[in-house]
Protein backbone atom coordinates (compact mmCIF):
# COMPACT_ATOMS: atom_id res chain seq x y z
CA PHE A 1 170.35 -52.76 -87.62
CA SER A 2 173.22 -51.76 -89.55
CA GLN A 3 173.51 -49.20 -92.48
CA SER A 4 174.36 -52.20 -94.84
CA ASP A 5 170.96 -53.64 -93.74
CA TYR A 6 169.04 -50.40 -94.36
CA LEU A 7 170.61 -49.79 -97.90
CA LEU A 8 169.79 -53.46 -98.88
CA LEU A 9 166.21 -53.02 -97.83
CA GLU A 10 166.13 -49.75 -99.62
CA GLY A 11 167.29 -51.32 -102.72
CA ARG A 12 164.67 -54.11 -102.80
CA CYS A 13 161.95 -51.77 -101.94
CA LEU A 14 162.79 -49.65 -105.10
CA THR A 15 163.52 -52.78 -107.57
CA THR A 16 160.95 -55.31 -106.51
CA ILE A 17 158.23 -53.80 -104.66
CA ASN A 18 157.84 -50.71 -106.88
CA CYS A 19 157.04 -48.51 -104.00
CA ASP A 20 157.19 -44.64 -104.13
CA GLU A 21 160.88 -43.57 -103.94
CA SER A 22 159.98 -41.38 -101.02
CA TYR A 23 158.65 -44.54 -99.12
CA CYS A 24 161.81 -46.28 -100.02
CA ALA A 25 164.26 -43.41 -98.61
CA PRO A 26 161.95 -42.02 -95.64
CA SER A 27 162.84 -38.99 -93.80
CA LEU A 28 162.19 -39.63 -90.12
CA ALA A 29 161.41 -36.10 -89.53
CA ALA A 30 158.73 -36.09 -92.38
CA SER A 31 157.12 -39.24 -91.12
CA SER A 32 156.36 -38.06 -87.34
CA LEU A 33 153.22 -39.42 -86.03
CA ARG A 34 152.49 -36.22 -83.97
CA PRO A 35 153.01 -32.59 -84.04
CA ILE A 36 156.56 -31.14 -82.99
CA GLY A 37 156.97 -30.18 -79.39
CA GLY A 38 157.12 -26.32 -79.71
CA GLU A 39 153.74 -26.31 -81.61
CA CYS A 40 151.89 -28.70 -79.22
CA ASP A 41 153.78 -30.27 -76.10
CA ALA A 42 151.25 -32.59 -75.05
CA PHE A 43 149.36 -33.82 -78.15
CA ALA A 44 147.04 -36.58 -77.39
CA VAL A 45 143.92 -37.96 -78.98
CA THR A 46 141.25 -40.33 -77.33
CA ASN A 47 138.60 -43.00 -78.61
CA SER A 48 136.35 -42.29 -75.65
CA THR A 49 138.08 -44.88 -73.73
CA TYR A 50 141.86 -44.36 -74.01
CA SER A 51 144.20 -41.70 -75.09
CA PHE A 52 147.10 -42.10 -77.24
CA PRO A 53 149.79 -39.59 -78.50
CA PHE A 54 148.87 -40.36 -82.10
CA LEU A 55 145.75 -40.76 -84.45
CA THR A 56 143.98 -43.80 -84.95
CA TRP A 57 140.91 -45.00 -86.76
CA LYS A 58 139.01 -45.61 -84.06
CA SER A 59 139.85 -42.33 -82.30
CA LEU A 60 139.21 -40.47 -85.87
CA LEU A 61 135.48 -42.18 -85.63
CA TYR A 62 135.12 -40.60 -82.10
CA TYR A 63 136.11 -37.12 -83.25
CA GLU A 64 134.16 -37.23 -86.53
CA ARG A 65 130.69 -38.14 -84.29
CA ALA A 66 131.59 -35.47 -81.86
CA LYS A 67 132.07 -33.05 -84.73
CA LEU A 68 135.62 -32.12 -83.59
CA GLY A 69 137.09 -33.87 -86.69
CA CYS A 70 136.63 -34.69 -90.36
CA SER A 71 138.55 -36.72 -93.19
CA GLY A 72 138.64 -36.76 -97.01
CA GLY A 73 140.72 -37.90 -99.93
CA LEU A 74 144.05 -36.09 -101.28
CA ASN A 75 142.77 -36.28 -104.91
CA ARG A 76 145.61 -34.56 -106.87
CA GLN A 77 148.10 -34.73 -103.83
CA ARG A 78 147.72 -38.31 -103.37
CA THR A 79 150.82 -40.65 -103.96
CA ALA A 80 151.58 -44.27 -104.16
CA THR A 81 151.31 -44.45 -100.22
CA LEU A 82 149.18 -41.48 -99.29
CA ALA A 83 145.74 -41.19 -100.36
CA SER A 84 143.39 -39.83 -97.63
CA TRP A 85 143.68 -37.10 -94.84
CA ALA A 86 142.02 -36.71 -91.45
CA CYS A 87 142.00 -33.44 -89.11
CA VAL A 88 140.94 -33.60 -85.50
CA HIS A 89 140.80 -30.77 -82.80
CA GLN A 90 142.85 -31.09 -79.62
CA PRO A 91 141.86 -28.14 -77.16
CA GLN A 92 145.84 -28.05 -75.64
CA CYS A 93 147.09 -27.59 -79.36
CA ARG A 94 146.18 -23.99 -80.25
CA PHE A 95 149.68 -22.49 -81.31
CA PHE A 96 148.38 -20.76 -84.55
CA ALA A 97 144.47 -20.62 -83.96
CA GLU A 98 142.39 -21.26 -80.91
CA ASP A 99 140.22 -23.83 -82.93
CA ASP A 100 142.92 -25.14 -84.82
CA LEU A 101 142.73 -28.79 -86.08
CA ALA A 102 145.93 -31.25 -86.21
CA CYS A 103 145.91 -32.74 -89.69
CA PHE A 104 147.47 -36.12 -90.86
CA ARG A 105 147.81 -38.27 -94.07
CA TYR A 106 147.43 -41.83 -94.01
CA ASP A 107 150.18 -44.26 -94.96
CA HIS A 108 148.25 -47.40 -96.06
CA VAL A 109 151.33 -49.11 -96.34
CA ARG A 110 152.73 -48.47 -92.96
CA GLY A 111 148.96 -48.49 -91.30
CA GLU A 112 149.86 -45.03 -89.84
CA PHE A 113 148.56 -41.29 -89.76
CA LEU A 114 151.63 -39.30 -90.39
CA PHE A 115 151.24 -35.74 -88.95
CA TRP A 116 150.84 -33.14 -91.85
CA GLY A 117 150.25 -29.81 -90.54
CA TRP A 118 147.38 -27.49 -89.17
CA ASN A 119 144.40 -26.72 -90.74
CA SER A 120 144.66 -22.86 -90.16
CA ARG A 121 147.61 -23.26 -92.77
CA LEU A 122 146.17 -26.15 -94.92
CA LYS A 123 142.95 -24.87 -95.08
CA LEU A 124 141.60 -28.58 -95.37
CA THR A 125 138.23 -28.02 -93.95
CA GLU A 126 136.17 -25.09 -92.24
CA PRO A 127 137.08 -24.05 -88.67
CA LEU A 128 135.22 -25.21 -85.70
CA ARG A 129 133.24 -22.29 -85.00
CA GLN A 130 133.09 -23.00 -81.42
CA ILE A 131 131.25 -20.85 -78.82
CA GLU A 132 131.72 -20.19 -75.18
CA ALA A 133 129.20 -21.32 -72.40
CA SER A 134 129.34 -20.41 -68.84
CA PHE A 135 127.57 -21.70 -65.86
CA CYS A 136 127.18 -18.31 -64.41
CA ASP A 137 125.12 -15.18 -65.77
CA ALA A 138 126.81 -11.58 -66.88
CA ASP A 139 126.88 -10.77 -63.10
CA GLY A 140 128.71 -13.56 -61.96
CA LEU A 141 125.51 -15.39 -60.20
CA PRO A 142 125.03 -19.14 -60.41
CA GLY A 143 123.04 -20.13 -63.70
CA ILE A 144 121.81 -23.40 -62.18
CA LEU A 145 119.00 -22.41 -59.90
CA ASN A 146 116.97 -24.01 -57.05
CA ALA A 147 113.55 -24.53 -58.42
CA ARG A 148 111.75 -24.01 -55.05
CA GLU A 149 113.69 -21.21 -53.29
CA THR A 150 113.85 -17.47 -53.73
CA GLY A 151 116.31 -14.89 -52.43
CA ARG A 152 116.28 -10.95 -52.45
CA ARG A 153 118.72 -8.55 -53.64
CA GLU A 154 118.50 -4.78 -54.25
CA VAL A 155 118.07 -3.51 -57.71
CA PRO A 156 119.38 0.05 -58.59
CA GLY A 157 116.47 2.17 -60.36
CA SER A 158 113.51 -0.44 -59.37
CA ASP A 159 112.09 -1.49 -56.32
CA PRO A 160 114.21 -1.54 -53.12
CA VAL A 161 113.91 -5.36 -52.85
CA GLU A 162 113.55 -7.88 -55.87
CA TYR A 163 112.88 -11.61 -55.60
CA PHE A 164 114.93 -14.06 -57.60
CA PRO A 165 115.59 -17.48 -57.84
CA ARG A 166 118.34 -18.68 -55.88
CA GLY A 167 121.24 -20.24 -57.35
CA VAL A 168 122.80 -23.67 -56.29
CA ASP A 169 126.49 -24.10 -55.09
CA LEU A 170 128.30 -24.68 -58.34
CA GLN A 171 131.26 -26.16 -56.87
CA GLY A 172 129.11 -29.16 -56.36
CA VAL A 173 127.83 -29.61 -59.79
CA VAL A 174 128.94 -32.25 -62.12
CA TYR A 175 128.01 -32.12 -65.96
CA ILE A 176 127.94 -33.91 -69.11
CA PHE A 177 127.31 -32.57 -72.68
CA TYR A 178 126.27 -35.35 -75.06
CA SER A 179 126.32 -34.87 -78.99
CA VAL A 180 124.11 -36.89 -81.31
CA ASP A 181 125.50 -39.43 -83.48
CA PRO A 182 124.56 -38.18 -87.05
CA VAL A 183 124.54 -41.98 -88.15
CA SER A 184 122.98 -43.99 -85.45
CA SER A 185 121.33 -41.07 -83.45
CA GLN A 186 122.83 -42.38 -80.18
CA LEU A 187 124.13 -40.05 -77.69
CA ILE A 188 127.91 -39.79 -77.52
CA PRO A 189 129.66 -38.00 -74.51
CA PHE A 190 131.29 -34.83 -75.94
CA ARG A 191 132.28 -32.84 -72.86
CA SER A 192 132.01 -33.45 -69.01
CA GLY A 193 133.61 -32.29 -65.80
CA GLY A 194 132.78 -30.59 -62.52
CA VAL A 195 132.23 -26.88 -62.53
CA SER A 196 134.47 -26.46 -59.90
CA GLY A 197 137.39 -27.14 -62.56
CA LEU A 198 136.01 -23.94 -64.48
CA GLY A 199 137.85 -21.24 -62.35
CA GLU A 200 137.68 -20.44 -58.62
CA ASP A 201 133.95 -19.35 -58.83
CA GLY A 202 132.82 -21.74 -61.57
CA CYS A 203 132.21 -18.99 -63.84
CA ASP A 204 135.13 -19.55 -66.64
CA PRO A 205 133.41 -20.59 -69.87
CA LEU A 206 133.75 -24.14 -71.60
CA LYS A 207 133.78 -24.62 -75.29
CA LEU A 208 130.90 -26.14 -77.20
CA LYS A 209 130.06 -26.42 -80.92
CA SER A 210 127.96 -23.66 -82.16
CA LYS A 211 124.38 -24.20 -83.40
CA THR A 212 124.25 -27.67 -82.01
CA ARG A 213 121.79 -29.54 -79.97
CA TYR A 214 123.36 -30.99 -76.84
CA TRP A 215 121.60 -33.61 -74.16
CA LEU A 216 122.92 -32.00 -70.74
CA GLU A 217 122.90 -34.20 -67.56
CA MET A 218 123.81 -32.48 -64.47
CA ASN A 219 124.18 -33.60 -60.90
CA ALA A 220 124.20 -30.85 -58.07
CA GLY A 221 124.62 -33.23 -55.32
CA GLU A 222 122.91 -35.50 -52.90
CA LYS A 223 120.28 -32.65 -52.17
CA TYR A 224 118.66 -32.39 -55.81
CA TYR A 225 117.26 -34.80 -58.32
CA ILE A 226 119.61 -35.23 -61.28
CA TYR A 227 118.70 -32.70 -64.32
CA LYS A 228 118.52 -34.07 -67.86
CA GLY A 229 117.32 -31.93 -70.73
CA TRP A 230 118.31 -30.50 -74.26
CA PHE A 231 120.53 -27.33 -74.29
CA GLN A 232 120.84 -25.72 -77.89
CA THR A 233 123.63 -23.46 -78.75
CA GLU A 234 123.51 -20.37 -80.75
CA GLN A 235 125.51 -19.19 -83.94
CA GLY A 236 127.90 -17.02 -81.69
CA PRO A 237 130.24 -15.26 -81.32
CA ALA A 238 128.60 -13.81 -78.24
CA PRO A 239 128.87 -16.47 -75.10
CA MET A 240 126.01 -18.19 -73.71
CA GLN A 241 124.62 -18.96 -70.16
CA VAL A 242 124.01 -22.48 -69.30
CA ALA A 243 120.58 -21.97 -67.18
CA ALA A 244 118.60 -24.55 -65.69
CA SER A 245 116.51 -25.32 -62.62
CA VAL A 246 117.30 -28.48 -60.38
CA TYR A 247 114.32 -29.43 -58.15
CA PRO A 248 115.47 -30.28 -54.55
CA VAL A 249 114.98 -33.85 -53.26
CA MET A 250 111.47 -34.29 -51.64
CA THR A 251 111.70 -35.86 -48.06
CA SER A 252 108.02 -36.91 -48.36
CA CYS A 253 105.53 -37.72 -51.31
CA ASP A 254 102.64 -35.13 -50.42
CA SER A 255 103.54 -32.66 -53.41
CA LEU A 256 104.16 -32.77 -57.10
CA GLY A 257 107.01 -30.70 -58.52
CA ILE A 258 107.26 -29.55 -62.40
CA THR A 259 109.67 -27.46 -63.94
CA LEU A 260 109.19 -26.09 -67.39
CA GLN A 261 112.15 -24.90 -69.86
CA TRP A 262 112.00 -23.59 -73.55
CA CYS A 263 114.25 -21.78 -75.84
CA LYS A 264 114.29 -18.14 -76.10
CA GLY A 265 113.59 -18.48 -79.50
CA GLU A 266 110.46 -20.01 -79.20
CA GLY A 267 106.85 -18.65 -78.38
CA PRO A 268 105.72 -18.05 -74.81
CA ASP A 269 102.41 -20.05 -75.66
CA LEU A 270 102.66 -23.57 -73.90
CA ASP A 271 99.39 -24.77 -75.76
């Protein structure tokens, strides 16, 4: 592809197709599909199945359903080829702000999302307002408890010994948080992994959307039944604890086990 070929194509673009001048003589730097390396060295987005180093419509739909992305029209900033924008959150990209979003303009002629900048500077949409949640309490003890076992510990200023629910080994806990698709009401995987990946003791926080209702599923190992239930995040910014009871597997069918759980904002009356 020679320079004369490029100039010939540029001339035809300007005279016969009536494209915008900036499109006919594009700057490769301005048409980047991803953030520059210094701002995000490993930019990638997912469509829940595959990951790409650039944004696609299917990936954008996944981020919008997970409440980690949004889109809109350019209005007065639109050009002959650029008419809409989209922003998505990639956890590894926080050069300017912790909850920043990478923003793109869609070129409907090229069929590509071109990187525009960061939401912390463009101010296209409200910040994500994420909240930290940990599988441990303030004392570093497991928040996932064995529903049938208790232990003992000394509590300063009270009785010499207090009985309390015994926590499970967090290193064996695997979790999935599902968000609710506002259109189809279907559950969409939002965040998943093993608690063993949250620091040496499993107490490092993970990021969730504030004031959001998640469906949580946890597997604490073969000794326990799989936990399933709703988890409601608060406004923040104070961190939250992921607290739940898992029931151990019964070796014989001679008893019935029931666990109850309700939000602290609800009344204690169970009628």
